[in-house]
PDB file of N, CA and C in Angstrom:
ATOM      1  N   MET A   1     -14.691  -9.938   1.675  1.00  0.00           N
ATOM      2  CA  MET A   1     -13.832  -9.225   0.734  1.00  0.00           C
ATOM      3  C   MET A   1     -12.648 -10.115   0.445  1.00  0.00           C
ATOM      4  N   PRO A   2     -12.510 -10.698  -0.759  1.00  0.00           N
ATOM      5  CA  PRO A   2     -11.383 -11.589  -1.046  1.00  0.00           C
ATOM      6  C   PRO A   2     -10.036 -10.889  -1.050  1.00  0.00           C
ATOM      7  N   GLU A   3      -9.046 -11.542  -0.516  1.00  0.00           N
ATOM      8  CA  GLU A   3      -7.683 -11.034  -0.528  1.00  0.00           C
ATOM      9  C   GLU A   3      -7.080 -11.404  -1.863  1.00  0.00           C
ATOM     10  N   ILE A   4      -6.413 -10.404  -2.521  1.00  0.00           N
ATOM     11  CA  ILE A   4      -5.764 -10.624  -3.815  1.00  0.00           C
ATOM     12  C   ILE A   4      -4.281 -10.786  -3.656  1.00  0.00           C
ATOM     13  N   SER A   5      -3.688  -9.992  -2.747  1.00  0.00           N
ATOM     14  CA  SER A   5      -2.240 -10.010  -2.574  1.00  0.00           C
ATOM     15  C   SER A   5      -1.889  -9.504  -1.183  1.00  0.00           C
ATOM     16  N   ARG A   6      -0.675  -9.820  -0.775  1.00  0.00           N
ATOM     17  CA  ARG A   6      -0.134  -9.353   0.523  1.00  0.00           C
ATOM     18  C   ARG A   6       1.355  -9.157   0.361  1.00  0.00           C
ATOM     19  N   PHE A   7       1.829  -7.954   0.705  1.00  0.00           N
ATOM     20  CA  PHE A   7       3.270  -7.658   0.637  1.00  0.00           C
ATOM     21  C   PHE A   7       3.596  -6.521   1.579  1.00  0.00           C
ATOM     22  N   TYR A   8       4.760  -6.617   2.207  1.00  0.00           N
ATOM     23  CA  TYR A   8       5.245  -5.544   3.125  1.00  0.00           C
ATOM     24  C   TYR A   8       4.176  -5.111   4.134  1.00  0.00           C
ATOM     25  N   GLY A   9       3.349  -6.057   4.536  1.00  0.00           N
ATOM     26  CA  GLY A   9       2.315  -5.718   5.505  1.00  0.00           C
ATOM     27  C   GLY A   9       1.083  -5.074   4.917  1.00  0.00           C
ATOM     28  N   ILE A  10       1.052  -4.898   3.617  1.00  0.00           N
ATOM     29  CA  ILE A  10      -0.101  -4.321   2.909  1.00  0.00           C
ATOM     30  C   ILE A  10      -0.926  -5.464   2.364  1.00  0.00           C
ATOM     31  N   VAL A  11      -2.250  -5.410   2.601  1.00  0.00           N
ATOM     32  CA  VAL A  11      -3.159  -6.429   2.062  1.00  0.00           C
ATOM     33  C   VAL A  11      -4.035  -5.766   1.016  1.00  0.00           C
ATOM     34  N   ILE A  12      -4.102  -6.406  -0.174  1.00  0.00           N
ATOM     35  CA  ILE A  12      -4.911  -5.868  -1.264  1.00  0.00           C
ATOM     36  C   ILE A  12      -6.167  -6.746  -1.336  1.00  0.00           C
ATOM     37  N   LYS A  13      -7.338  -6.081  -1.293  1.00  0.00           N
ATOM     38  CA  LYS A  13      -8.609  -6.784  -1.338  1.00  0.00           C
ATOM     39  C   LYS A  13      -9.561  -6.096  -2.335  1.00  0.00           C
ATOM     40  N   MET A  14     -10.583  -6.851  -2.737  1.00  0.00           N
ATOM     41  CA  MET A  14     -11.606  -6.315  -3.648  1.00  0.00           C
ATOM     42  C   MET A  14     -12.960  -6.927  -3.327  1.00  0.00           C
ATOM     43  N   PHE A  15     -13.985  -6.108  -3.327  1.00  0.00           N
ATOM     44  CA  PHE A  15     -15.385  -6.577  -3.107  1.00  0.00           C
ATOM     45  C   PHE A  15     -15.902  -7.107  -4.448  1.00  0.00           C
ATOM     46  N   PHE A  16     -16.782  -8.105  -4.391  1.00  0.00           N
ATOM     47  CA  PHE A  16     -17.415  -8.648  -5.608  1.00  0.00           C
ATOM     48  C   PHE A  16     -18.438  -7.650  -6.178  1.00  0.00           C
ATOM     49  N   ASP A  17     -19.197  -6.956  -5.353  1.00  0.00           N
ATOM     50  CA  ASP A  17     -20.293  -6.102  -5.841  1.00  0.00           C
ATOM     51  C   ASP A  17     -20.086  -4.703  -5.297  1.00  0.00           C
ATOM     52  N   ASP A  18     -18.944  -4.079  -5.629  1.00  0.00           N
ATOM     53  CA  ASP A  18     -18.571  -2.769  -5.073  1.00  0.00           C
ATOM     54  C   ASP A  18     -19.014  -1.667  -6.016  1.00  0.00           C
ATOM     55  N   HIS A  19     -18.912  -0.431  -5.554  1.00  0.00           N
ATOM     56  CA  HIS A  19     -19.328   0.748  -6.313  1.00  0.00           C
ATOM     57  C   HIS A  19     -18.223   1.189  -7.294  1.00  0.00           C
ATOM     58  N   ASN A  20     -18.585   2.080  -8.203  1.00  0.00           N
ATOM     59  CA  ASN A  20     -17.609   2.688  -9.121  1.00  0.00           C
ATOM     60  C   ASN A  20     -16.923   3.850  -8.412  1.00  0.00           C
ATOM     61  N   PRO A  21     -15.742   4.290  -8.873  1.00  0.00           N
ATOM     62  CA  PRO A  21     -14.979   3.778  -9.975  1.00  0.00           C
ATOM     63  C   PRO A  21     -14.361   2.411  -9.669  1.00  0.00           C
ATOM     64  N   PRO A  22     -13.904   1.657 -10.654  1.00  0.00           N
ATOM     65  CA  PRO A  22     -13.221   0.420 -10.426  1.00  0.00           C
ATOM     66  C   PRO A  22     -12.023   0.658  -9.475  1.00  0.00           C
ATOM     67  N   HIS A  23     -11.929  -0.089  -8.378  1.00  0.00           N
ATOM     68  CA  HIS A  23     -10.891   0.194  -7.410  1.00  0.00           C
ATOM     69  C   HIS A  23     -10.575  -1.068  -6.603  1.00  0.00           C
ATOM     70  N   PHE A  24      -9.525  -0.959  -5.802  1.00  0.00           N
ATOM     71  CA  PHE A  24      -9.179  -1.993  -4.847  1.00  0.00           C
ATOM     72  C   PHE A  24      -8.937  -1.330  -3.503  1.00  0.00           C
ATOM     73  N   HIS A  25      -8.982  -2.117  -2.463  1.00  0.00           N
ATOM     74  CA  HIS A  25      -8.756  -1.651  -1.079  1.00  0.00           C
ATOM     75  C   HIS A  25      -7.374  -2.103  -0.675  1.00  0.00           C
ATOM     76  N   ALA A  26      -6.589  -1.201  -0.142  1.00  0.00           N
ATOM     77  CA  ALA A  26      -5.283  -1.527   0.416  1.00  0.00           C
ATOM     78  C   ALA A  26      -5.345  -1.302   1.943  1.00  0.00           C
ATOM     79  N   LEU A  27      -5.108  -2.337   2.694  1.00  0.00           N
ATOM     80  CA  LEU A  27      -5.155  -2.247   4.145  1.00  0.00           C
ATOM     81  C   LEU A  27      -3.715  -2.391   4.727  1.00  0.00           C
ATOM     82  N   TYR A  28      -3.392  -1.548   5.664  1.00  0.00           N
ATOM     83  CA  TYR A  28      -2.075  -1.573   6.260  1.00  0.00           C
ATOM     84  C   TYR A  28      -2.256  -1.299   7.768  1.00  0.00           C
ATOM     85  N   GLY A  29      -2.227  -2.355   8.577  1.00  0.00           N
ATOM     86  CA  GLY A  29      -2.544  -2.188   9.993  1.00  0.00           C
ATOM     87  C   GLY A  29      -3.997  -1.759  10.109  1.00  0.00           C
ATOM     88  N   GLU A  30      -4.216  -0.680  10.849  1.00  0.00           N
ATOM     89  CA  GLU A  30      -5.588  -0.154  11.037  1.00  0.00           C
ATOM     90  C   GLU A  30      -5.958   0.843   9.950  1.00  0.00           C
ATOM     91  N   TYR A  31      -5.103   1.080   8.955  1.00  0.00           N
ATOM     92  CA  TYR A  31      -5.359   2.043   7.884  1.00  0.00           C
ATOM     93  C   TYR A  31      -5.952   1.343   6.664  1.00  0.00           C
ATOM     94  N   GLU A  32      -6.746   2.086   5.881  1.00  0.00           N
ATOM     95  CA  GLU A  32      -7.286   1.567   4.650  1.00  0.00           C
ATOM     96  C   GLU A  32      -7.401   2.700   3.627  1.00  0.00           C
ATOM     97  N   VAL A  33      -7.057   2.399   2.371  1.00  0.00           N
ATOM     98  CA  VAL A  33      -7.261   3.347   1.267  1.00  0.00           C
ATOM     99  C   VAL A  33      -7.994   2.624   0.156  1.00  0.00           C
ATOM    100  N   LEU A  34      -8.720   3.395  -0.628  1.00  0.00           N
ATOM    101  CA  LEU A  34      -9.324   2.912  -1.860  1.00  0.00           C
ATOM    102  C   LEU A  34      -8.575   3.539  -3.027  1.00  0.00           C
ATOM    103  N   ILE A  35      -8.086   2.694  -3.914  1.00  0.00           N
ATOM    104  CA  ILE A  35      -7.216   3.151  -5.020  1.00  0.00           C
ATOM    105  C   ILE A  35      -7.889   2.857  -6.347  1.00  0.00           C
ATOM    106  N   ASP A  36      -8.026   3.899  -7.171  1.00  0.00           N
ATOM    107  CA  ASP A  36      -8.624   3.801  -8.504  1.00  0.00           C
ATOM    108  C   ASP A  36      -7.716   2.915  -9.382  1.00  0.00           C
ATOM    109  N   ILE A  37      -8.300   1.871 -10.007  1.00  0.00           N
ATOM    110  CA  ILE A  37      -7.504   0.942 -10.814  1.00  0.00           C
ATOM    111  C   ILE A  37      -6.978   1.631 -12.061  1.00  0.00           C
ATOM    112  N   ASN A  38      -7.711   2.569 -12.667  1.00  0.00           N
ATOM    113  CA  ASN A  38      -7.282   3.209 -13.903  1.00  0.00           C
ATOM    114  C   ASN A  38      -6.177   4.212 -13.708  1.00  0.00           C
ATOM    115  N   THR A  39      -6.189   4.952 -12.598  1.00  0.00           N
ATOM    116  CA  THR A  39      -5.230   6.032 -12.390  1.00  0.00           C
ATOM    117  C   THR A  39      -4.257   5.774 -11.209  1.00  0.00           C
ATOM    118  N   PHE A  40      -4.565   4.772 -10.404  1.00  0.00           N
ATOM    119  CA  PHE A  40      -3.830   4.512  -9.153  1.00  0.00           C
ATOM    120  C   PHE A  40      -3.890   5.652  -8.155  1.00  0.00           C
ATOM    121  N   ALA A  41      -4.857   6.528  -8.341  1.00  0.00           N
ATOM    122  CA  ALA A  41      -5.047   7.650  -7.400  1.00  0.00           C
ATOM    123  C   ALA A  41      -5.851   7.157  -6.176  1.00  0.00           C
ATOM    124  N   VAL A  42      -5.423   7.608  -5.018  1.00  0.00           N
ATOM    125  CA  VAL A  42      -6.160   7.312  -3.792  1.00  0.00           C
ATOM    126  C   VAL A  42      -7.397   8.246  -3.733  1.00  0.00           C
ATOM    127  N   PHE A  43      -8.607   7.681  -3.638  1.00  0.00           N
ATOM    128  CA  PHE A  43      -9.775   8.529  -3.589  1.00  0.00           C
ATOM    129  C   PHE A  43     -10.475   8.447  -2.261  1.00  0.00           C
ATOM    130  N   ALA A  44     -10.040   7.614  -1.379  1.00  0.00           N
ATOM    131  CA  ALA A  44     -10.627   7.554  -0.015  1.00  0.00           C
ATOM    132  C   ALA A  44      -9.638   6.954   0.947  1.00  0.00           C
ATOM    133  N   GLY A  45      -9.600   7.476   2.162  1.00  0.00           N
ATOM    134  CA  GLY A  45      -8.708   6.934   3.196  1.00  0.00           C
ATOM    135  C   GLY A  45      -7.300   7.464   3.118  1.00  0.00           C
ATOM    136  N   ASN A  46      -6.437   6.933   3.972  1.00  0.00           N
ATOM    137  CA  ASN A  46      -5.027   7.301   3.959  1.00  0.00           C
ATOM    138  C   ASN A  46      -4.167   6.201   4.564  1.00  0.00           C
ATOM    139  N   LEU A  47      -2.885   6.296   4.331  1.00  0.00           N
ATOM    140  CA  LEU A  47      -1.921   5.367   4.880  1.00  0.00           C
ATOM    141  C   LEU A  47      -0.909   6.183   5.699  1.00  0.00           C
ATOM    142  N   PRO A  48      -0.310   5.528   6.712  1.00  0.00           N
ATOM    143  CA  PRO A  48       0.651   6.270   7.515  1.00  0.00           C
ATOM    144  C   PRO A  48       1.973   6.440   6.708  1.00  0.00           C
ATOM    145  N   PRO A  49       2.747   7.460   7.089  1.00  0.00           N
ATOM    146  CA  PRO A  49       4.037   7.615   6.410  1.00  0.00           C
ATOM    147  C   PRO A  49       4.958   6.461   6.762  1.00  0.00           C
ATOM    148  N   ARG A  50       5.849   6.079   5.885  1.00  0.00           N
ATOM    149  CA  ARG A  50       6.818   5.032   6.125  1.00  0.00           C
ATOM    150  C   ARG A  50       8.229   5.625   6.058  1.00  0.00           C
ATOM    151  N   ASP A  51       8.763   6.001   7.215  1.00  0.00           N
ATOM    152  CA  ASP A  51      10.108   6.557   7.249  1.00  0.00           C
ATOM    153  C   ASP A  51      11.119   5.576   6.718  1.00  0.00           C
ATOM    154  N   GLU A  52      10.863   4.259   6.860  1.00  0.00           N
ATOM    155  CA  GLU A  52      11.805   3.265   6.336  1.00  0.00           C
ATOM    156  C   GLU A  52      11.988   3.380   4.845  1.00  0.00           C
ATOM    157  N   LEU A  53      10.897   3.660   4.129  1.00  0.00           N
ATOM    158  CA  LEU A  53      10.980   3.827   2.671  1.00  0.00           C
ATOM    159  C   LEU A  53      11.803   5.044   2.305  1.00  0.00           C
ATOM    160  N   LEU A  54      11.615   6.137   3.007  1.00  0.00           N
ATOM    161  CA  LEU A  54      12.384   7.348   2.727  1.00  0.00           C
ATOM    162  C   LEU A  54      13.842   7.134   3.010  1.00  0.00           C
ATOM    163  N   ASN A  55      14.152   6.408   4.124  1.00  0.00           N
ATOM    164  CA  ASN A  55      15.554   6.123   4.432  1.00  0.00           C
ATOM    165  C   ASN A  55      16.173   5.253   3.336  1.00  0.00           C
ATOM    166  N   ASP A  56      15.432   4.263   2.850  1.00  0.00           N
ATOM    167  CA  ASP A  56      15.998   3.422   1.763  1.00  0.00           C
ATOM    168  C   ASP A  56      16.157   4.231   0.474  1.00  0.00           C
ATOM    169  N   TRP A  57      15.254   5.177   0.209  1.00  0.00           N
ATOM    170  CA  TRP A  57      15.393   6.012  -0.945  1.00  0.00           C
ATOM    171  C   TRP A  57      16.698   6.830  -0.916  1.00  0.00           C
ATOM    172  N   GLU A  58      16.950   7.391   0.276  1.00  0.00           N
ATOM    173  CA  GLU A  58      18.185   8.175   0.417  1.00  0.00           C
ATOM    174  C   GLU A  58      19.408   7.296   0.248  1.00  0.00           C
ATOM    175  N   LYS A  59      19.393   6.067   0.761  1.00  0.00           N
ATOM    176  CA  LYS A  59      20.487   5.135   0.594  1.00  0.00           C
ATOM    177  C   LYS A  59      20.676   4.773  -0.869  1.00  0.00           C
ATOM    178  N   ALA A  60      19.581   4.529  -1.579  1.00  0.00           N
ATOM    179  CA  ALA A  60      19.669   4.131  -2.987  1.00  0.00           C
ATOM    180  C   ALA A  60      20.291   5.248  -3.807  1.00  0.00           C
ATOM    181  N   ARG A  61      19.975   6.504  -3.451  1.00  0.00           N
ATOM    182  CA  ARG A  61      20.512   7.646  -4.190  1.00  0.00           C
ATOM    183  C   ARG A  61      22.025   7.721  -4.129  1.00  0.00           C
ATOM    184  N   VAL A  62      22.614   7.232  -3.039  1.00  0.00           N
ATOM    185  CA  VAL A  62      24.089   7.262  -2.890  1.00  0.00           C
ATOM    186  C   VAL A  62      24.680   5.854  -2.987  1.00  0.00           C
ATOM    187  N   GLN A  63      23.879   4.919  -3.562  1.00  0.00           N
ATOM    188  CA  GLN A  63      24.304   3.547  -3.868  1.00  0.00           C
ATOM    189  C   GLN A  63      24.780   2.801  -2.643  1.00  0.00           C
ATOM    190  N   GLU A  64      24.102   2.984  -1.505  1.00  0.00           N
ATOM    191  CA  GLU A  64      24.380   2.201  -0.297  1.00  0.00           C
ATOM    192  C   GLU A  64      23.398   1.032  -0.244  1.00  0.00           C
ATOM    193  N   PRO A  65      23.756  -0.034   0.491  1.00  0.00           N
ATOM    194  CA  PRO A  65      22.827  -1.141   0.615  1.00  0.00           C
ATOM    195  C   PRO A  65      21.517  -0.711   1.306  1.00  0.00           C
ATOM    196  N   LEU A  66      20.452  -1.282   0.843  1.00  0.00           N
ATOM    197  CA  LEU A  66      19.131  -0.918   1.365  1.00  0.00           C
ATOM    198  C   LEU A  66      18.764  -1.847   2.522  1.00  0.00           C
ATOM    199  N   ASN A  67      17.950  -1.340   3.445  1.00  0.00           N
ATOM    200  CA  ASN A  67      17.437  -2.132   4.559  1.00  0.00           C
ATOM    201  C   ASN A  67      16.143  -2.795   4.149  1.00  0.00           C
ATOM    202  N   THR A  68      15.913  -4.032   4.641  1.00  0.00           N
ATOM    203  CA  THR A  68      14.609  -4.650   4.453  1.00  0.00           C
ATOM    204  C   THR A  68      13.642  -4.065   5.456  1.00  0.00           C
ATOM    205  N   ILE A  69      12.365  -4.086   5.070  1.00  0.00           N
ATOM    206  CA  ILE A  69      11.305  -3.505   5.922  1.00  0.00           C
ATOM    207  C   ILE A  69      10.453  -4.654   6.422  1.00  0.00           C
ATOM    208  N   GLU A  70      10.350  -4.755   7.734  1.00  0.00           N
ATOM    209  CA  GLU A  70       9.529  -5.812   8.312  1.00  0.00           C
ATOM    210  C   GLU A  70       8.041  -5.481   8.123  1.00  0.00           C
ATOM    211  N   PRO A  71       7.247  -6.497   7.744  1.00  0.00           N
ATOM    212  CA  PRO A  71       5.806  -6.263   7.599  1.00  0.00           C
ATOM    213  C   PRO A  71       5.126  -6.044   8.959  1.00  0.00           C
ATOM    214  N   LEU A  72       4.019  -5.345   8.937  1.00  0.00           N
ATOM    215  CA  LEU A  72       3.225  -5.190  10.179  1.00  0.00           C
ATOM    216  C   LEU A  72       2.606  -6.540  10.515  1.00  0.00           C
ATOM    217  N   LYS A  73       2.427  -6.770  11.777  1.00  0.00           N
ATOM    218  CA  LYS A  73       1.825  -8.047  12.203  1.00  0.00           C
ATOM    219  C   LYS A  73       0.352  -7.866  12.435  1.00  0.00           C
TER     220      LYS A  73
END
């Protein structure tokens, strides 16, 4: 499965001869989701919650500096 992109510990991959609907795989540690390319809806799998993202959201709402998030190893 070729890797297309990697960011914040998330790896985006796609199979050459995969099933419909058109989708990509997002892997994050031991988690994996399949995401529909047309709608960006998750139709299989799940990802863990990221409290760091919620904390940064709250900081952004009150215009405080945001924290960087370390990628998973």
